[in-house]
Amino acid sequence: MQYIENRTFDELQPGDSAQIERVLTARDIDLFAIVSGDVNPAHVDPDYAKDDMFHKVIAHGMWGGALISAVLGTELPGPGTIYLDQSLKFHRPVGIGDRVITRVTVREKQDKNHVILDCECTNGGGATVISGEATVIAPTEKVRRPRAEMPELHMHRAGEGYDRLIAMTRALDPIRTAIVHPCDETSLDGACAAMKEDLIVPILVGPEARIRAVAQEHGIDISGLEIVDAAHSHDSAIKAVELVRAAKAEALMKGALHTDEIMSAVVDKATGLRTERRMSHVFALDVPTYPKTLLITDAAINIFPDLETKADIVQNAIELAHALGTPDPKVAILSAVETIYPKIPSTLEAAALCKMADRGQITGGTLDGPLAFDNAISKAAAETKGIVSPVAGDADILIAPDLEAGNMIAKQLMYLAGAESAGIVMGARVPIMLTSRADGRLSRIASAALAQLVVRHKTAAE
C-alpha cells in the first residue's frame, strides 16, 4: 500500500525540496475547466486557440498553481500544511503533451511554525514556466496515512459520437424527407434543426393550419417549406407514403402521431413500402463508456422474431453499419449465457445465425453468439470466461433475443449510462426515422444523419 507522509516543522531544513512531474493532457484541461468554471476559449476551443497569441490550446495558468499546491499538501511539508500566502509569476505557456516538473524548496523557517518556500514549474526543456513563493504553517505532528484511492472519472461530451456521424454527412446532398404529421413543437423543431444541418429537405405532411399554428406559437421558421395538407394523422401517414412511392421523398420522419399509425401505412401490402426483407428498427447509441457508436436491434418493431426474421434483422443492422463507414461490423448475438443451452431457445438461434453467416445466408459482417451482454461489450469479461472471438468485447452491433430485451438494453443505457439515442427503421424502400416524443433535438438530428447516410450509401452502390 502506498502511504503519504509529512515533514514536521522541526524536521524541515532550508534547502529541503520535493517535486512531482506531470504531462499535460486534454483531459486535464477539460477537468480543470469543469471544476473551476473557466471555459476561456484559449483553453477549450481549438479553433479559437489556433489564431490566438500562442496558436494552440494551452493550460489554465492556475493548473500549474494547483500542481504547486499538490506538492505542498502531499510531499513537502505534506499533510497538515496550512496555506497562508502564494505569489506566482507566469513565464511561458504549457501546451498539451508538455512535461511539467513542479518543485518546492524550503528557503526559510520563521516563528509560529511559518515556512517560506520557493516554487518553480519547469518544462521538459528545463525552461521556467511558473515561479513564485509560498508561505505555509508547517505541521507539528507526524502524519502517515494510506494514500487515498481516488474514484475513476469518465468524461463524455453529450452527442460527441454524433458529431463524428454528422461530420460524415458534410459532403452529401440533403435528402427529401416527408415529415409525418409535425403538429407539435418537438417534431417540427427537430425537422427544421435537421434541415439547418443540411441533412434533409423537409416536406411537411399534415393539417396545414395546425402546422402553421405550431410554427407561429413557438417561433419556428417554416417559410419556404413545402406543406402537403392532410385531414388527420392517419391521412398524413398515407400521403407521406404516397410521396415516397412517387419518388418525391427519399425518407420518412415520424412526427406527432403514434408509431402504429405510420407503420400501418408503411407495411400496407398494396400501397406501402415493403420489400422482400422484414423491417426492423436499429438504435444507434452514443454511450459515454463505449468507444464507438453501438447499434442495438430490434427494440421497437418485431416482438418475438423467429429465426428467419432474426436473419433479416441482422442483415438490416449490417447494412446500416456499412452506411456508417464500418465495412465489416462485428455482430454479437445476445442471450443470457455464452454457451449453447437447449432450454434457452435464443442460444440455439444465435448458433444458427452464425452458421447462416458461414453459409453466405447473412453477409457483410462477422457474427458470434450466443454471447451474454457483458462479454459482448467487455474484453475483460470475455477474457475472464475464456472466450476467444473477434467479436467479444468489441461488438459494433448487439442483436437482442426479442423486443423486450432490446428495448430494456437500449433504455437502460440511455437512462443509467447517459447514452444519447438515435435510430431508424431499415428494410423498407426508404429509411424511416421513428423518433419518440421523449427524444430531443440532438436525437432527431442524429437520426436524420443516419437516414441521409443510408440513402446516399445505397445510391452510391447502385
Foldseek 3Di string as FASTA:
>chain_A
DDKFKFQFLVRDDFFDKDKDKDAAALVLQVVVCVVVVPPPCLAVPLVVVCPDPVNGHFHDPCVLVVRQVVCVCGPYRHPPKAWDDKDKDFDDTHHHGKMKMKMKGWHDADPQQKTKIWIFIATPVRHTGMTIMTIIRGHHDIDMGHDDDDDDDFDDDACPQLVVLLVVCPVPAAFEEEEQAQQADFSLVLVVLLVVSRHHQYEYFEAPVSNVVRCVVVVNDPPPHHYHYADHRLRSLLVRQVCVVVVNGFEYEYHPDDPCSNVVNQPPPPRHFADPADKAKWKFKDFSVADHTAIEIHQPDFFQDDLRNLLSGVQQVLLLVVLSPDQAFEEAEEDQAFAQDVVGVSQVSLVVSQVCDVVVVHDRYHYGDDDHPCQQQQVVVCVVVPHDDPRGNPGRYYYYNGNVRRNVVVVCSCPVRVMQIEMWMGRGSAIYGHDDPPHGSSRSSSNSSSRSSSSVVVVVVD
